[in-house]
């Protein structure tokens, strides 16, 4: 991968992360915790929303890339 491509990816991800500053506090105010596999395997609406938004960002900005996540498709 070329240096310019890496810089573009870095800048894009940093901008996306900065956009979370407005979203996360509102999500935390309305936090809901559920379980996945058992009572010790917790997931919150914050986790789900951030993962969904990142998947959307990735699909729109870098369609040739894929998200590899522990809780993907669950």
PDB file of N, CA and C in Angstrom:
ATOM      1  N   UNK A   1       0.845  -1.171   0.000  1.00  0.00           N
ATOM      2  CA  UNK A   1       0.000   0.000   0.000  1.00  0.00           C
ATOM      3  C   UNK A   1       0.896   1.242   0.000  1.00  0.00           C
ATOM      4  N   UNK A   2       0.534   2.205  -0.798  1.00  0.00           N
ATOM      5  CA  UNK A   2       1.303   3.438  -0.928  1.00  0.00           C
ATOM      6  C   UNK A   2       1.136   4.326   0.302  1.00  0.00           C
ATOM      7  N   UNK A   3       2.153   5.131   0.560  1.00  0.00           N
ATOM      8  CA  UNK A   3       2.131   6.036   1.706  1.00  0.00           C
ATOM      9  C   UNK A   3       0.928   6.979   1.643  1.00  0.00           C
ATOM     10  N   UNK A   4       0.605   7.484   0.460  1.00  0.00           N
ATOM     11  CA  UNK A   4      -0.527   8.399   0.304  1.00  0.00           C
ATOM     12  C   UNK A   4      -1.841   7.718   0.676  1.00  0.00           C
ATOM     13  N   UNK A   5      -1.981   6.452   0.308  1.00  0.00           N
ATOM     14  CA  UNK A   5      -3.182   5.692   0.651  1.00  0.00           C
ATOM     15  C   UNK A   5      -3.299   5.532   2.165  1.00  0.00           C
ATOM     16  N   UNK A   6      -2.184   5.221   2.806  1.00  0.00           N
ATOM     17  CA  UNK A   6      -2.189   5.059   4.260  1.00  0.00           C
ATOM     18  C   UNK A   6      -2.542   6.366   4.961  1.00  0.00           C
ATOM     19  N   UNK A   7      -2.024   7.463   4.453  1.00  0.00           N
ATOM     20  CA  UNK A   7      -2.339   8.774   5.037  1.00  0.00           C
ATOM     21  C   UNK A   7      -3.821   9.082   4.863  1.00  0.00           C
ATOM     22  N   UNK A   8      -4.382   8.776   3.689  1.00  0.00           N
ATOM     23  CA  UNK A   8      -5.808   8.998   3.453  1.00  0.00           C
ATOM     24  C   UNK A   8      -6.653   8.160   4.407  1.00  0.00           C
ATOM     25  N   UNK A   9      -6.293   6.901   4.576  1.00  0.00           N
ATOM     26  CA  UNK A   9      -7.021   6.028   5.502  1.00  0.00           C
ATOM     27  C   UNK A   9      -6.929   6.580   6.919  1.00  0.00           C
ATOM     28  N   UNK A  10      -5.734   6.956   7.334  1.00  0.00           N
ATOM     29  CA  UNK A  10      -5.529   7.495   8.675  1.00  0.00           C
ATOM     30  C   UNK A  10      -6.361   8.757   8.891  1.00  0.00           C
ATOM     31  N   UNK A  11      -6.314   9.675   7.949  1.00  0.00           N
ATOM     32  CA  UNK A  11      -7.081  10.918   8.070  1.00  0.00           C
ATOM     33  C   UNK A  11      -8.582  10.648   8.113  1.00  0.00           C
ATOM     34  N   UNK A  12      -9.050   9.729   7.283  1.00  0.00           N
ATOM     35  CA  UNK A  12     -10.476   9.401   7.235  1.00  0.00           C
ATOM     36  C   UNK A  12     -10.956   8.788   8.545  1.00  0.00           C
ATOM     37  N   UNK A  13     -10.189   7.855   9.071  1.00  0.00           N
ATOM     38  CA  UNK A  13     -10.574   7.199  10.325  1.00  0.00           C
ATOM     39  C   UNK A  13     -10.515   8.186  11.486  1.00  0.00           C
ATOM     40  N   UNK A  14      -9.510   9.033  11.506  1.00  0.00           N
ATOM     41  CA  UNK A  14      -9.424  10.051  12.565  1.00  0.00           C
ATOM     42  C   UNK A  14     -10.631  10.990  12.528  1.00  0.00           C
ATOM     43  N   UNK A  15     -11.045  11.394  11.342  1.00  0.00           N
ATOM     44  CA  UNK A  15     -12.220  12.267  11.210  1.00  0.00           C
ATOM     45  C   UNK A  15     -13.473  11.545  11.680  1.00  0.00           C
ATOM     46  N   UNK A  16     -13.599  10.265  11.322  1.00  0.00           N
ATOM     47  CA  UNK A  16     -14.762   9.493  11.765  1.00  0.00           C
ATOM     48  C   UNK A  16     -14.764   9.371  13.291  1.00  0.00           C
ATOM     49  N   UNK A  17     -13.620   9.078  13.875  1.00  0.00           N
ATOM     50  CA  UNK A  17     -13.527   8.975  15.335  1.00  0.00           C
ATOM     51  C   UNK A  17     -13.892  10.291  16.008  1.00  0.00           C
ATOM     52  N   UNK A  18     -13.461  11.402  15.441  1.00  0.00           N
ATOM     53  CA  UNK A  18     -13.793  12.714  16.010  1.00  0.00           C
ATOM     54  C   UNK A  18     -15.295  12.958  15.980  1.00  0.00           C
ATOM     55  N   UNK A  19     -15.974  12.419  14.979  1.00  0.00           N
ATOM     56  CA  UNK A  19     -17.428  12.598  14.889  1.00  0.00           C
ATOM     57  C   UNK A  19     -18.165  11.886  16.021  1.00  0.00           C
ATOM     58  N   UNK A  20     -17.520  10.925  16.653  1.00  0.00           N
ATOM     59  CA  UNK A  20     -18.147  10.188  17.753  1.00  0.00           C
ATOM     60  C   UNK A  20     -18.287  11.030  19.016  1.00  0.00           C
ATOM     61  N   UNK A  21     -17.529  12.106  19.108  1.00  0.00           N
ATOM     62  CA  UNK A  21     -17.612  12.982  20.281  1.00  0.00           C
ATOM     63  C   UNK A  21     -19.022  13.497  20.504  1.00  0.00           C
ATOM     64  N   UNK A  22     -19.781  13.658  19.434  1.00  0.00           N
ATOM     65  CA  UNK A  22     -21.152  14.147  19.544  1.00  0.00           C
ATOM     66  C   UNK A  22     -22.152  13.021  19.790  1.00  0.00           C
ATOM     67  N   UNK A  23     -21.808  11.820  19.416  1.00  0.00           N
ATOM     68  CA  UNK A  23     -22.740  10.693  19.456  1.00  0.00           C
ATOM     69  C   UNK A  23     -22.679   9.924  20.770  1.00  0.00           C
ATOM     70  N   UNK A  24     -21.484   9.632  21.236  1.00  0.00           N
ATOM     71  CA  UNK A  24     -21.308   8.752  22.398  1.00  0.00           C
ATOM     72  C   UNK A  24     -21.985   9.271  23.665  1.00  0.00           C
ATOM     73  N   UNK A  25     -21.862  10.545  24.019  1.00  0.00           N
ATOM     74  CA  UNK A  25     -22.534  10.993  25.249  1.00  0.00           C
ATOM     75  C   UNK A  25     -24.044  10.751  25.230  1.00  0.00           C
ATOM     76  N   UNK A  26     -24.685  10.980  24.097  1.00  0.00           N
ATOM     77  CA  UNK A  26     -26.130  10.741  23.998  1.00  0.00           C
ATOM     78  C   UNK A  26     -26.449   9.255  24.135  1.00  0.00           C
ATOM     79  N   UNK A  27     -25.615   8.410  23.547  1.00  0.00           N
ATOM     80  CA  UNK A  27     -25.831   6.967  23.665  1.00  0.00           C
ATOM     81  C   UNK A  27     -25.649   6.499  25.106  1.00  0.00           C
ATOM     82  N   UNK A  28     -24.654   7.040  25.773  1.00  0.00           N
ATOM     83  CA  UNK A  28     -24.395   6.650  27.162  1.00  0.00           C
ATOM     84  C   UNK A  28     -25.548   7.076  28.066  1.00  0.00           C
ATOM     85  N   UNK A  29     -26.137   8.237  27.781  1.00  0.00           N
ATOM     86  CA  UNK A  29     -27.284   8.698  28.570  1.00  0.00           C
ATOM     87  C   UNK A  29     -28.448   7.719  28.510  1.00  0.00           C
ATOM     88  N   UNK A  30     -28.553   6.992  27.406  1.00  0.00           N
ATOM     89  CA  UNK A  30     -29.654   6.038  27.227  1.00  0.00           C
ATOM     90  C   UNK A  30     -29.122   4.611  27.118  1.00  0.00           C
ATOM     91  N   UNK A  31     -28.065   4.302  27.855  1.00  0.00           N
ATOM     92  CA  UNK A  31     -27.407   3.004  27.745  1.00  0.00           C
ATOM     93  C   UNK A  31     -28.327   1.862  28.170  1.00  0.00           C
ATOM     94  N   UNK A  32     -28.297   0.827  27.350  1.00  0.00           N
ATOM     95  CA  UNK A  32     -29.031  -0.406  27.618  1.00  0.00           C
ATOM     96  C   UNK A  32     -28.031  -1.543  27.475  1.00  0.00           C
ATOM     97  N   UNK A  33     -27.976  -2.418  28.472  1.00  0.00           N
ATOM     98  CA  UNK A  33     -27.049  -3.546  28.444  1.00  0.00           C
ATOM     99  C   UNK A  33     -27.836  -4.837  28.282  1.00  0.00           C
ATOM    100  N   UNK A  34     -27.386  -5.674  27.357  1.00  0.00           N
ATOM    101  CA  UNK A  34     -27.994  -6.988  27.154  1.00  0.00           C
ATOM    102  C   UNK A  34     -26.882  -8.034  27.173  1.00  0.00           C
ATOM    103  N   UNK A  35     -27.287  -9.289  27.124  1.00  0.00           N
ATOM    104  CA  UNK A  35     -26.302 -10.372  27.075  1.00  0.00           C
ATOM    105  C   UNK A  35     -26.348 -11.028  25.705  1.00  0.00           C
ATOM    106  N   UNK A  36     -25.223 -11.643  25.323  1.00  0.00           N
ATOM    107  CA  UNK A  36     -25.168 -12.364  24.051  1.00  0.00           C
ATOM    108  C   UNK A  36     -25.301 -13.859  24.315  1.00  0.00           C
ATOM    109  N   UNK A  37     -24.232 -14.472  24.748  1.00  0.00           N
ATOM    110  CA  UNK A  37     -24.219 -15.925  24.928  1.00  0.00           C
ATOM    111  C   UNK A  37     -24.589 -16.345  26.343  1.00  0.00           C
ATOM    112  N   UNK A  38     -24.159 -15.560  27.322  1.00  0.00           N
ATOM    113  CA  UNK A  38     -24.473 -15.871  28.713  1.00  0.00           C
ATOM    114  C   UNK A  38     -24.468 -14.571  29.508  1.00  0.00           C
ATOM    115  N   UNK A  39     -24.756 -14.652  30.789  1.00  0.00           N
ATOM    116  CA  UNK A  39     -24.898 -13.431  31.587  1.00  0.00           C
ATOM    117  C   UNK A  39     -23.589 -12.672  31.785  1.00  0.00           C
ATOM    118  N   UNK A  40     -22.474 -13.272  31.435  1.00  0.00           N
ATOM    119  CA  UNK A  40     -21.181 -12.599  31.557  1.00  0.00           C
ATOM    120  C   UNK A  40     -20.716 -11.992  30.229  1.00  0.00           C
ATOM    121  N   UNK A  41     -21.442 -12.266  29.166  1.00  0.00           N
ATOM    122  CA  UNK A  41     -21.098 -11.785  27.823  1.00  0.00           C
ATOM    123  C   UNK A  41     -21.997 -10.592  27.496  1.00  0.00           C
ATOM    124  N   UNK A  42     -21.593  -9.421  27.983  1.00  0.00           N
ATOM    125  CA  UNK A  42     -22.431  -8.229  27.894  1.00  0.00           C
ATOM    126  C   UNK A  42     -22.159  -7.424  26.630  1.00  0.00           C
ATOM    127  N   UNK A  43     -23.211  -6.785  26.147  1.00  0.00           N
ATOM    128  CA  UNK A  43     -23.105  -5.865  25.019  1.00  0.00           C
ATOM    129  C   UNK A  43     -24.078  -4.716  25.279  1.00  0.00           C
ATOM    130  N   UNK A  44     -23.664  -3.513  24.913  1.00  0.00           N
ATOM    131  CA  UNK A  44     -24.519  -2.346  25.129  1.00  0.00           C
ATOM    132  C   UNK A  44     -24.988  -1.786  23.791  1.00  0.00           C
ATOM    133  N   UNK A  45     -26.007  -0.932  23.878  1.00  0.00           N
ATOM    134  CA  UNK A  45     -26.457  -0.235  22.678  1.00  0.00           C
ATOM    135  C   UNK A  45     -25.334   0.637  22.114  1.00  0.00           C
ATOM    136  N   UNK A  46     -24.444   1.098  22.980  1.00  0.00           N
ATOM    137  CA  UNK A  46     -23.299   1.895  22.527  1.00  0.00           C
ATOM    138  C   UNK A  46     -22.403   1.026  21.638  1.00  0.00           C
ATOM    139  N   UNK A  47     -22.084  -0.182  22.104  1.00  0.00           N
ATOM    140  CA  UNK A  47     -21.272  -1.120  21.313  1.00  0.00           C
ATOM    141  C   UNK A  47     -21.895  -1.354  19.938  1.00  0.00           C
ATOM    142  N   UNK A  48     -23.181  -1.692  19.946  1.00  0.00           N
ATOM    143  CA  UNK A  48     -23.873  -2.031  18.702  1.00  0.00           C
ATOM    144  C   UNK A  48     -23.928  -0.848  17.742  1.00  0.00           C
ATOM    145  N   UNK A  49     -24.265   0.318  18.266  1.00  0.00           N
ATOM    146  CA  UNK A  49     -24.387   1.503  17.414  1.00  0.00           C
ATOM    147  C   UNK A  49     -23.055   1.896  16.804  1.00  0.00           C
ATOM    148  N   UNK A  50     -22.005   1.901  17.620  1.00  0.00           N
ATOM    149  CA  UNK A  50     -20.685   2.276  17.107  1.00  0.00           C
ATOM    150  C   UNK A  50     -20.229   1.279  16.043  1.00  0.00           C
ATOM    151  N   UNK A  51     -20.442   0.005  16.279  1.00  0.00           N
ATOM    152  CA  UNK A  51     -20.044  -0.997  15.289  1.00  0.00           C
ATOM    153  C   UNK A  51     -20.841  -0.823  14.000  1.00  0.00           C
ATOM    154  N   UNK A  52     -22.153  -0.587  14.109  1.00  0.00           N
ATOM    155  CA  UNK A  52     -22.972  -0.382  12.911  1.00  0.00           C
ATOM    156  C   UNK A  52     -22.528   0.855  12.137  1.00  0.00           C
ATOM    157  N   UNK A  53     -22.246   1.929  12.857  1.00  0.00           N
ATOM    158  CA  UNK A  53     -21.809   3.169  12.197  1.00  0.00           C
ATOM    159  C   UNK A  53     -20.434   2.997  11.552  1.00  0.00           C
ATOM    160  N   UNK A  54     -19.552   2.244  12.216  1.00  0.00           N
ATOM    161  CA  UNK A  54     -18.237   2.019  11.617  1.00  0.00           C
ATOM    162  C   UNK A  54     -18.362   1.154  10.370  1.00  0.00           C
ATOM    163  N   UNK A  55     -19.229   0.152  10.423  1.00  0.00           N
ATOM    164  CA  UNK A  55     -19.452  -0.689   9.245  1.00  0.00           C
ATOM    165  C   UNK A  55     -19.980   0.157   8.088  1.00  0.00           C
ATOM    166  N   UNK A  56     -20.896   1.066   8.373  1.00  0.00           N
ATOM    167  CA  UNK A  56     -21.432   1.951   7.342  1.00  0.00           C
ATOM    168  C   UNK A  56     -20.328   2.853   6.778  1.00  0.00           C
ATOM    169  N   UNK A  57     -19.527   3.445   7.663  1.00  0.00           N
ATOM    170  CA  UNK A  57     -18.397   4.283   7.245  1.00  0.00           C
ATOM    171  C   UNK A  57     -17.443   3.492   6.360  1.00  0.00           C
ATOM    172  N   UNK A  58     -17.126   2.291   6.781  1.00  0.00           N
ATOM    173  CA  UNK A  58     -16.195   1.451   6.033  1.00  0.00           C
ATOM    174  C   UNK A  58     -16.753   1.108   4.653  1.00  0.00           C
ATOM    175  N   UNK A  59     -18.014   0.730   4.600  1.00  0.00           N
ATOM    176  CA  UNK A  59     -18.653   0.368   3.334  1.00  0.00           C
ATOM    177  C   UNK A  59     -18.685   1.547   2.371  1.00  0.00           C
ATOM    178  N   UNK A  60     -18.995   2.727   2.897  1.00  0.00           N
ATOM    179  CA  UNK A  60     -19.089   3.911   2.046  1.00  0.00           C
ATOM    180  C   UNK A  60     -17.722   4.465   1.644  1.00  0.00           C
ATOM    181  N   UNK A  61     -16.766   4.447   2.556  1.00  0.00           N
ATOM    182  CA  UNK A  61     -15.479   5.094   2.318  1.00  0.00           C
ATOM    183  C   UNK A  61     -14.439   4.144   1.733  1.00  0.00           C
ATOM    184  N   UNK A  62     -14.459   2.915   2.194  1.00  0.00           N
ATOM    185  CA  UNK A  62     -13.476   1.912   1.759  1.00  0.00           C
ATOM    186  C   UNK A  62     -14.203   0.607   1.415  1.00  0.00           C
ATOM    187  N   UNK A  63     -14.955   0.577   0.326  1.00  0.00           N
ATOM    188  CA  UNK A  63     -15.770  -0.607   0.016  1.00  0.00           C
ATOM    189  C   UNK A  63     -14.962  -1.887  -0.183  1.00  0.00           C
ATOM    190  N   UNK A  64     -13.677  -1.754  -0.464  1.00  0.00           N
ATOM    191  CA  UNK A  64     -12.844  -2.947  -0.657  1.00  0.00           C
ATOM    192  C   UNK A  64     -12.321  -3.505   0.666  1.00  0.00           C
ATOM    193  N   UNK A  65     -12.580  -2.813   1.766  1.00  0.00           N
ATOM    194  CA  UNK A  65     -12.134  -3.262   3.088  1.00  0.00           C
ATOM    195  C   UNK A  65     -13.279  -3.961   3.812  1.00  0.00           C
ATOM    196  N   UNK A  66     -12.937  -4.781   4.795  1.00  0.00           N
ATOM    197  CA  UNK A  66     -13.939  -5.494   5.582  1.00  0.00           C
ATOM    198  C   UNK A  66     -13.688  -5.268   7.056  1.00  0.00           C
ATOM    199  N   UNK A  67     -14.774  -5.334   7.824  1.00  0.00           N
ATOM    200  CA  UNK A  67     -14.691  -5.200   9.272  1.00  0.00           C
ATOM    201  C   UNK A  67     -14.527  -6.584   9.885  1.00  0.00           C
ATOM    202  N   UNK A  68     -13.527  -6.726  10.713  1.00  0.00           N
ATOM    203  CA  UNK A  68     -13.317  -7.959  11.463  1.00  0.00           C
ATOM    204  C   UNK A  68     -13.558  -7.614  12.918  1.00  0.00           C
ATOM    205  N   UNK A  69     -14.643  -8.143  13.486  1.00  0.00           N
ATOM    206  CA  UNK A  69     -15.013  -7.792  14.856  1.00  0.00           C
ATOM    207  C   UNK A  69     -15.501  -9.023  15.599  1.00  0.00           C
ATOM    208  N   UNK A  70     -15.257  -9.034  16.887  1.00  0.00           N
ATOM    209  CA  UNK A  70     -15.649 -10.162  17.728  1.00  0.00           C
ATOM    210  C   UNK A  70     -17.152 -10.387  17.678  1.00  0.00           C
ATOM    211  N   UNK A  71     -17.921  -9.338  17.735  1.00  0.00           N
ATOM    212  CA  UNK A  71     -19.369  -9.480  17.790  1.00  0.00           C
ATOM    213  C   UNK A  71     -20.076  -9.305  16.465  1.00  0.00           C
ATOM    214  N   UNK A  72     -19.352  -9.321  15.376  1.00  0.00           N
ATOM    215  CA  UNK A  72     -19.963  -9.075  14.067  1.00  0.00           C
ATOM    216  C   UNK A  72     -21.021 -10.117  13.748  1.00  0.00           C
ATOM    217  N   UNK A  73     -22.139  -9.626  13.196  1.00  0.00           N
ATOM    218  CA  UNK A  73     -23.270 -10.470  12.786  1.00  0.00           C
ATOM    219  C   UNK A  73     -23.936 -11.168  13.955  1.00  0.00           C
ATOM    220  N   UNK A  74     -23.853 -10.583  15.122  1.00  0.00           N
ATOM    221  CA  UNK A  74     -24.517 -11.182  16.281  1.00  0.00           C
ATOM    222  C   UNK A  74     -25.502 -10.209  16.843  1.00  0.00           C
TER     223      UNK A  74
END
